[in-house]
Amino acid sequence: MSVSPLHDIWEASASQPFQPSIGKSLQFTIGATLLFIALVLSGLFGLNNSLKNLPVYGIPASLAFGFGAVYMICAVGVYV
């Protein structure tokens, strides 16, 4: 009986554990920083509400909030 190619890949990768680019110890700091940046940019966008400010404040604020929320969720141990 032949072993599946997926099993071969699994066995070959056993000697190379996954190393994330951003470690667990930095996730809280990065998440808090991104959420703070999102708060500031959202406030600036709310004060200067016009369509020309959307790429300057709105889009970076939403990206910072999205990534910051995921980092904070992972940092405090809630797995999604």
PDB file of N, CA and C in Angstrom:
ATOM      1  N   MET A   1       0.851  -1.181   0.000  1.00  0.00           N
ATOM      2  CA  MET A   1       0.000   0.000   0.000  1.00  0.00           C
ATOM      3  C   MET A   1       0.893   1.239   0.000  1.00  0.00           C
ATOM      4  N   SER A   2       0.639   2.164  -0.904  1.00  0.00           N
ATOM      5  CA  SER A   2       1.489   3.345  -1.011  1.00  0.00           C
ATOM      6  C   SER A   2       1.038   4.431  -0.046  1.00  0.00           C
ATOM      7  N   VAL A   3       1.993   5.209   0.381  1.00  0.00           N
ATOM      8  CA  VAL A   3       1.723   6.332   1.272  1.00  0.00           C
ATOM      9  C   VAL A   3       1.404   7.552   0.418  1.00  0.00           C
ATOM     10  N   SER A   4       0.486   8.364   0.877  1.00  0.00           N
ATOM     11  CA  SER A   4       0.063   9.518   0.082  1.00  0.00           C
ATOM     12  C   SER A   4       1.161  10.579   0.013  1.00  0.00           C
ATOM     13  N   PRO A   5       1.165  11.377  -1.031  1.00  0.00           N
ATOM     14  CA  PRO A   5       2.156  12.451  -1.140  1.00  0.00           C
ATOM     15  C   PRO A   5       2.045  13.462   0.008  1.00  0.00           C
ATOM     16  N   LEU A   6       0.845  13.659   0.522  1.00  0.00           N
ATOM     17  CA  LEU A   6       0.672  14.581   1.642  1.00  0.00           C
ATOM     18  C   LEU A   6       1.406  14.073   2.871  1.00  0.00           C
ATOM     19  N   HIS A   7       1.371  12.768   3.083  1.00  0.00           N
ATOM     20  CA  HIS A   7       2.086  12.178   4.214  1.00  0.00           C
ATOM     21  C   HIS A   7       3.593  12.358   4.052  1.00  0.00           C
ATOM     22  N   ASP A   8       4.087  12.235   2.826  1.00  0.00           N
ATOM     23  CA  ASP A   8       5.513  12.443   2.564  1.00  0.00           C
ATOM     24  C   ASP A   8       5.925  13.877   2.875  1.00  0.00           C
ATOM     25  N   ILE A   9       5.085  14.833   2.497  1.00  0.00           N
ATOM     26  CA  ILE A   9       5.372  16.243   2.793  1.00  0.00           C
ATOM     27  C   ILE A   9       5.354  16.476   4.297  1.00  0.00           C
ATOM     28  N   TRP A  10       4.401  15.860   4.976  1.00  0.00           N
ATOM     29  CA  TRP A  10       4.295  15.988   6.435  1.00  0.00           C
ATOM     30  C   TRP A  10       5.566  15.467   7.109  1.00  0.00           C
ATOM     31  N   GLU A  11       6.029  14.337   6.694  1.00  0.00           N
ATOM     32  CA  GLU A  11       7.231  13.749   7.279  1.00  0.00           C
ATOM     33  C   GLU A  11       8.474  14.576   6.955  1.00  0.00           C
ATOM     34  N   ALA A  12       8.542  15.115   5.752  1.00  0.00           N
ATOM     35  CA  ALA A  12       9.703  15.911   5.361  1.00  0.00           C
ATOM     36  C   ALA A  12       9.766  17.234   6.119  1.00  0.00           C
ATOM     37  N   SER A  13       8.634  17.783   6.471  1.00  0.00           N
ATOM     38  CA  SER A  13       8.621  19.071   7.169  1.00  0.00           C
ATOM     39  C   SER A  13       8.758  18.927   8.681  1.00  0.00           C
ATOM     40  N   ALA A  14       8.815  17.723   9.181  1.00  0.00           N
ATOM     41  CA  ALA A  14       8.918  17.526  10.634  1.00  0.00           C
ATOM     42  C   ALA A  14      10.225  18.076  11.192  1.00  0.00           C
ATOM     43  N   SER A  15      11.254  18.108  10.393  1.00  0.00           N
ATOM     44  CA  SER A  15      12.542  18.618  10.867  1.00  0.00           C
ATOM     45  C   SER A  15      12.664  20.134  10.722  1.00  0.00           C
ATOM     46  N   GLN A  16      11.662  20.785  10.147  1.00  0.00           N
ATOM     47  CA  GLN A  16      11.683  22.234   9.947  1.00  0.00           C
ATOM     48  C   GLN A  16      10.450  22.854  10.593  1.00  0.00           C
ATOM     49  N   PRO A  17      10.490  23.109  11.896  1.00  0.00           N
ATOM     50  CA  PRO A  17       9.299  23.688  12.539  1.00  0.00           C
ATOM     51  C   PRO A  17       9.026  25.107  12.043  1.00  0.00           C
ATOM     52  N   PHE A  18       7.772  25.488  12.117  1.00  0.00           N
ATOM     53  CA  PHE A  18       7.350  26.813  11.656  1.00  0.00           C
ATOM     54  C   PHE A  18       7.889  27.888  12.586  1.00  0.00           C
ATOM     55  N   GLN A  19       8.505  28.906  12.029  1.00  0.00           N
ATOM     56  CA  GLN A  19       9.004  30.051  12.777  1.00  0.00           C
ATOM     57  C   GLN A  19       8.305  31.302  12.258  1.00  0.00           C
ATOM     58  N   PRO A  20       7.395  31.891  13.031  1.00  0.00           N
ATOM     59  CA  PRO A  20       6.685  33.077  12.540  1.00  0.00           C
ATOM     60  C   PRO A  20       7.626  34.267  12.422  1.00  0.00           C
ATOM     61  N   SER A  21       7.308  35.174  11.520  1.00  0.00           N
ATOM     62  CA  SER A  21       8.149  36.359  11.326  1.00  0.00           C
ATOM     63  C   SER A  21       8.023  37.327  12.493  1.00  0.00           C
ATOM     64  N   ILE A  22       6.876  37.339  13.160  1.00  0.00           N
ATOM     65  CA  ILE A  22       6.668  38.171  14.348  1.00  0.00           C
ATOM     66  C   ILE A  22       6.345  37.233  15.504  1.00  0.00           C
ATOM     67  N   GLY A  23       7.197  37.237  16.501  1.00  0.00           N
ATOM     68  CA  GLY A  23       7.065  36.314  17.616  1.00  0.00           C
ATOM     69  C   GLY A  23       5.899  36.643  18.532  1.00  0.00           C
ATOM     70  N   LYS A  24       5.572  35.688  19.374  1.00  0.00           N
ATOM     71  CA  LYS A  24       4.454  35.827  20.308  1.00  0.00           C
ATOM     72  C   LYS A  24       4.662  36.994  21.272  1.00  0.00           C
ATOM     73  N   SER A  25       5.901  37.259  21.650  1.00  0.00           N
ATOM     74  CA  SER A  25       6.171  38.315  22.618  1.00  0.00           C
ATOM     75  C   SER A  25       5.921  39.715  22.055  1.00  0.00           C
ATOM     76  N   LEU A  26       5.929  39.874  20.741  1.00  0.00           N
ATOM     77  CA  LEU A  26       5.721  41.194  20.131  1.00  0.00           C
ATOM     78  C   LEU A  26       4.290  41.430  19.664  1.00  0.00           C
ATOM     79  N   GLN A  27       3.447  40.410  19.696  1.00  0.00           N
ATOM     80  CA  GLN A  27       2.100  40.548  19.149  1.00  0.00           C
ATOM     81  C   GLN A  27       1.271  41.580  19.905  1.00  0.00           C
ATOM     82  N   PHE A  28       1.379  41.620  21.217  1.00  0.00           N
ATOM     83  CA  PHE A  28       0.597  42.582  21.994  1.00  0.00           C
ATOM     84  C   PHE A  28       1.033  44.015  21.679  1.00  0.00           C
ATOM     85  N   THR A  29       2.337  44.244  21.616  1.00  0.00           N
ATOM     86  CA  THR A  29       2.852  45.588  21.327  1.00  0.00           C
ATOM     87  C   THR A  29       2.436  46.055  19.940  1.00  0.00           C
ATOM     88  N   ILE A  30       2.582  45.186  18.965  1.00  0.00           N
ATOM     89  CA  ILE A  30       2.212  45.549  17.594  1.00  0.00           C
ATOM     90  C   ILE A  30       0.711  45.767  17.485  1.00  0.00           C
ATOM     91  N   GLY A  31      -0.076  44.910  18.119  1.00  0.00           N
ATOM     92  CA  GLY A  31      -1.532  45.063  18.091  1.00  0.00           C
ATOM     93  C   GLY A  31      -1.989  46.356  18.740  1.00  0.00           C
ATOM     94  N   ALA A  32      -1.428  46.675  19.910  1.00  0.00           N
ATOM     95  CA  ALA A  32      -1.809  47.913  20.596  1.00  0.00           C
ATOM     96  C   ALA A  32      -1.404  49.134  19.782  1.00  0.00           C
ATOM     97  N   THR A  33      -0.227  49.090  19.183  1.00  0.00           N
ATOM     98  CA  THR A  33       0.240  50.212  18.356  1.00  0.00           C
ATOM     99  C   THR A  33      -0.659  50.409  17.137  1.00  0.00           C
ATOM    100  N   LEU A  34      -1.004  49.325  16.469  1.00  0.00           N
ATOM    101  CA  LEU A  34      -1.877  49.439  15.301  1.00  0.00           C
ATOM    102  C   LEU A  34      -3.268  49.941  15.680  1.00  0.00           C
ATOM    103  N   LEU A  35      -3.787  49.492  16.816  1.00  0.00           N
ATOM    104  CA  LEU A  35      -5.101  49.977  17.246  1.00  0.00           C
ATOM    105  C   LEU A  35      -5.058  51.453  17.626  1.00  0.00           C
ATOM    106  N   PHE A  36      -3.964  51.896  18.230  1.00  0.00           N
ATOM    107  CA  PHE A  36      -3.829  53.317  18.555  1.00  0.00           C
ATOM    108  C   PHE A  36      -3.741  54.160  17.280  1.00  0.00           C
ATOM    109  N   ILE A  37      -2.964  53.682  16.308  1.00  0.00           N
ATOM    110  CA  ILE A  37      -2.869  54.388  15.026  1.00  0.00           C
ATOM    111  C   ILE A  37      -4.233  54.446  14.353  1.00  0.00           C
ATOM    112  N   ALA A  38      -4.985  53.351  14.421  1.00  0.00           N
ATOM    113  CA  ALA A  38      -6.327  53.327  13.825  1.00  0.00           C
ATOM    114  C   ALA A  38      -7.241  54.330  14.512  1.00  0.00           C
ATOM    115  N   LEU A  39      -7.135  54.448  15.829  1.00  0.00           N
ATOM    116  CA  LEU A  39      -7.953  55.413  16.562  1.00  0.00           C
ATOM    117  C   LEU A  39      -7.629  56.846  16.145  1.00  0.00           C
ATOM    118  N   VAL A  40      -6.353  57.154  16.033  1.00  0.00           N
ATOM    119  CA  VAL A  40      -5.941  58.507  15.628  1.00  0.00           C
ATOM    120  C   VAL A  40      -6.389  58.805  14.200  1.00  0.00           C
ATOM    121  N   LEU A  41      -6.141  57.881  13.285  1.00  0.00           N
ATOM    122  CA  LEU A  41      -6.527  58.111  11.888  1.00  0.00           C
ATOM    123  C   LEU A  41      -8.039  58.186  11.714  1.00  0.00           C
ATOM    124  N   SER A  42      -8.784  57.395  12.486  1.00  0.00           N
ATOM    125  CA  SER A  42     -10.249  57.465  12.412  1.00  0.00           C
ATOM    126  C   SER A  42     -10.750  58.814  12.913  1.00  0.00           C
ATOM    127  N   GLY A  43     -10.134  59.301  13.976  1.00  0.00           N
ATOM    128  CA  GLY A  43     -10.508  60.622  14.481  1.00  0.00           C
ATOM    129  C   GLY A  43     -10.217  61.722  13.482  1.00  0.00           C
ATOM    130  N   LEU A  44      -9.053  61.652  12.855  1.00  0.00           N
ATOM    131  CA  LEU A  44      -8.709  62.653  11.845  1.00  0.00           C
ATOM    132  C   LEU A  44      -9.644  62.567  10.640  1.00  0.00           C
ATOM    133  N   PHE A  45     -10.004  61.355  10.254  1.00  0.00           N
ATOM    134  CA  PHE A  45     -10.929  61.206   9.139  1.00  0.00           C
ATOM    135  C   PHE A  45     -12.305  61.740   9.507  1.00  0.00           C
ATOM    136  N   GLY A  46     -12.730  61.537  10.733  1.00  0.00           N
ATOM    137  CA  GLY A  46     -14.027  62.052  11.172  1.00  0.00           C
ATOM    138  C   GLY A  46     -14.058  63.564  11.219  1.00  0.00           C
ATOM    139  N   LEU A  47     -12.938  64.177  11.603  1.00  0.00           N
ATOM    140  CA  LEU A  47     -12.879  65.637  11.663  1.00  0.00           C
ATOM    141  C   LEU A  47     -12.775  66.255  10.270  1.00  0.00           C
ATOM    142  N   ASN A  48     -12.083  65.595   9.370  1.00  0.00           N
ATOM    143  CA  ASN A  48     -11.873  66.100   8.011  1.00  0.00           C
ATOM    144  C   ASN A  48     -12.617  65.238   7.013  1.00  0.00           C
ATOM    145  N   ASN A  49     -13.903  65.074   7.220  1.00  0.00           N
ATOM    146  CA  ASN A  49     -14.690  64.139   6.431  1.00  0.00           C
ATOM    147  C   ASN A  49     -14.929  64.673   5.026  1.00  0.00           C
ATOM    148  N   SER A  50     -14.170  64.161   4.097  1.00  0.00           N
ATOM    149  CA  SER A  50     -14.411  64.430   2.679  1.00  0.00           C
ATOM    150  C   SER A  50     -13.861  63.257   1.883  1.00  0.00           C
ATOM    151  N   LEU A  51     -14.302  63.149   0.662  1.00  0.00           N
ATOM    152  CA  LEU A  51     -13.905  62.007  -0.159  1.00  0.00           C
ATOM    153  C   LEU A  51     -12.427  62.025  -0.497  1.00  0.00           C
ATOM    154  N   LYS A  52     -11.815  63.205  -0.560  1.00  0.00           N
ATOM    155  CA  LYS A  52     -10.389  63.275  -0.879  1.00  0.00           C
ATOM    156  C   LYS A  52      -9.518  62.767   0.270  1.00  0.00           C
ATOM    157  N   ASN A  53     -10.054  62.736   1.501  1.00  0.00           N
ATOM    158  CA  ASN A  53      -9.297  62.244   2.642  1.00  0.00           C
ATOM    159  C   ASN A  53      -9.444  60.740   2.864  1.00  0.00           C
ATOM    160  N   LEU A  54     -10.257  60.091   2.054  1.00  0.00           N
ATOM    161  CA  LEU A  54     -10.453  58.652   2.217  1.00  0.00           C
ATOM    162  C   LEU A  54      -9.155  57.864   2.034  1.00  0.00           C
ATOM    163  N   PRO A  55      -8.370  58.087   0.969  1.00  0.00           N
ATOM    164  CA  PRO A  55      -7.127  57.316   0.860  1.00  0.00           C
ATOM    165  C   PRO A  55      -6.058  57.737   1.869  1.00  0.00           C
ATOM    166  N   VAL A  56      -6.168  58.962   2.390  1.00  0.00           N
ATOM    167  CA  VAL A  56      -5.155  59.454   3.326  1.00  0.00           C
ATOM    168  C   VAL A  56      -5.420  58.945   4.741  1.00  0.00           C
ATOM    169  N   TYR A  57      -6.681  58.981   5.183  1.00  0.00           N
ATOM    170  CA  TYR A  57      -7.017  58.612   6.554  1.00  0.00           C
ATOM    171  C   TYR A  57      -7.879  57.353   6.651  1.00  0.00           C
ATOM    172  N   GLY A  58      -8.862  57.224   5.804  1.00  0.00           N
ATOM    173  CA  GLY A  58      -9.846  56.155   5.951  1.00  0.00           C
ATOM    174  C   GLY A  58      -9.306  54.758   5.689  1.00  0.00           C
ATOM    175  N   ILE A  59      -8.640  54.588   4.585  1.00  0.00           N
ATOM    176  CA  ILE A  59      -8.131  53.262   4.227  1.00  0.00           C
ATOM    177  C   ILE A  59      -7.018  52.809   5.172  1.00  0.00           C
ATOM    178  N   PRO A  60      -6.027  53.660   5.485  1.00  0.00           N
ATOM    179  CA  PRO A  60      -5.022  53.221   6.475  1.00  0.00           C
ATOM    180  C   PRO A  60      -5.624  52.948   7.853  1.00  0.00           C
ATOM    181  N   ALA A  61      -6.646  53.702   8.240  1.00  0.00           N
ATOM    182  CA  ALA A  61      -7.283  53.458   9.536  1.00  0.00           C
ATOM    183  C   ALA A  61      -7.964  52.101   9.556  1.00  0.00           C
ATOM    184  N   SER A  62      -8.653  51.755   8.492  1.00  0.00           N
ATOM    185  CA  SER A  62      -9.337  50.462   8.469  1.00  0.00           C
ATOM    186  C   SER A  62      -8.346  49.306   8.418  1.00  0.00           C
ATOM    187  N   LEU A  63      -7.255  49.459   7.684  1.00  0.00           N
ATOM    188  CA  LEU A  63      -6.234  48.414   7.650  1.00  0.00           C
ATOM    189  C   LEU A  63      -5.545  48.253   9.006  1.00  0.00           C
ATOM    190  N   ALA A  64      -5.219  49.386   9.641  1.00  0.00           N
ATOM    191  CA  ALA A  64      -4.587  49.319  10.961  1.00  0.00           C
ATOM    192  C   ALA A  64      -5.522  48.684  11.980  1.00  0.00           C
ATOM    193  N   PHE A  65      -6.807  48.998  11.915  1.00  0.00           N
ATOM    194  CA  PHE A  65      -7.756  48.390  12.847  1.00  0.00           C
ATOM    195  C   PHE A  65      -7.891  46.890  12.591  1.00  0.00           C
ATOM    196  N   GLY A  66      -7.973  46.500  11.335  1.00  0.00           N
ATOM    197  CA  GLY A  66      -8.125  45.082  11.010  1.00  0.00           C
ATOM    198  C   GLY A  66      -6.944  44.249  11.472  1.00  0.00           C
ATOM    199  N   PHE A  67      -5.747  44.672  11.113  1.00  0.00           N
ATOM    200  CA  PHE A  67      -4.567  43.918  11.517  1.00  0.00           C
ATOM    201  C   PHE A  67      -4.316  44.035  13.021  1.00  0.00           C
ATOM    202  N   GLY A  68      -4.567  45.218  13.582  1.00  0.00           N
ATOM    203  CA  GLY A  68      -4.392  45.389  15.025  1.00  0.00           C
ATOM    204  C   GLY A  68      -5.337  44.514  15.823  1.00  0.00           C
ATOM    205  N   ALA A  69      -6.579  44.383  15.368  1.00  0.00           N
ATOM    206  CA  ALA A  69      -7.544  43.533  16.063  1.00  0.00           C
ATOM    207  C   ALA A  69      -7.121  42.070  16.014  1.00  0.00           C
ATOM    208  N   VAL A  70      -6.627  41.616  14.874  1.00  0.00           N
ATOM    209  CA  VAL A  70      -6.180  40.221  14.776  1.00  0.00           C
ATOM    210  C   VAL A  70      -4.969  39.982  15.662  1.00  0.00           C
ATOM    211  N   TYR A  71      -4.018  40.905  15.670  1.00  0.00           N
ATOM    212  CA  TYR A  71      -2.846  40.747  16.532  1.00  0.00           C
ATOM    213  C   TYR A  71      -3.237  40.739  18.008  1.00  0.00           C
ATOM    214  N   MET A  72      -4.180  41.593  18.398  1.00  0.00           N
ATOM    215  CA  MET A  72      -4.595  41.614  19.800  1.00  0.00           C
ATOM    216  C   MET A  72      -5.346  40.342  20.171  1.00  0.00           C
ATOM    217  N   ILE A  73      -6.166  39.844  19.277  1.00  0.00           N
ATOM    218  CA  ILE A  73      -6.882  38.592  19.540  1.00  0.00           C
ATOM    219  C   ILE A  73      -5.883  37.455  19.731  1.00  0.00           C
ATOM    220  N   CYS A  74      -4.865  37.399  18.886  1.00  0.00           N
ATOM    221  CA  CYS A  74      -3.855  36.350  19.023  1.00  0.00           C
ATOM    222  C   CYS A  74      -2.991  36.568  20.266  1.00  0.00           C
ATOM    223  N   ALA A  75      -2.703  37.822  20.603  1.00  0.00           N
ATOM    224  CA  ALA A  75      -1.833  38.103  21.741  1.00  0.00           C
ATOM    225  C   ALA A  75      -2.462  37.715  23.069  1.00  0.00           C
ATOM    226  N   VAL A  76      -3.761  37.846  23.189  1.00  0.00           N
ATOM    227  CA  VAL A  76      -4.407  37.523  24.461  1.00  0.00           C
ATOM    228  C   VAL A  76      -4.883  36.072  24.516  1.00  0.00           C
ATOM    229  N   GLY A  77      -4.634  35.314  23.486  1.00  0.00           N
ATOM    230  CA  GLY A  77      -4.903  33.881  23.536  1.00  0.00           C
ATOM    231  C   GLY A  77      -6.242  33.431  23.036  1.00  0.00           C
ATOM    232  N   VAL A  78      -6.963  34.287  22.331  1.00  0.00           N
ATOM    233  CA  VAL A  78      -8.238  33.881  21.728  1.00  0.00           C
ATOM    234  C   VAL A  78      -7.916  33.437  20.316  1.00  0.00           C
ATOM    235  N   TYR A  79      -8.150  32.193  20.020  1.00  0.00           N
ATOM    236  CA  TYR A  79      -7.790  31.660  18.708  1.00  0.00           C
ATOM    237  C   TYR A  79      -8.988  31.713  17.785  1.00  0.00           C
ATOM    238  N   VAL A  80      -8.764  32.280  16.586  1.00  0.00           N
ATOM    239  CA  VAL A  80      -9.841  32.400  15.610  1.00  0.00           C
ATOM    240  C   VAL A  80      -9.642  31.429  14.481  1.00  0.00           C
TER     241      VAL A  80
END
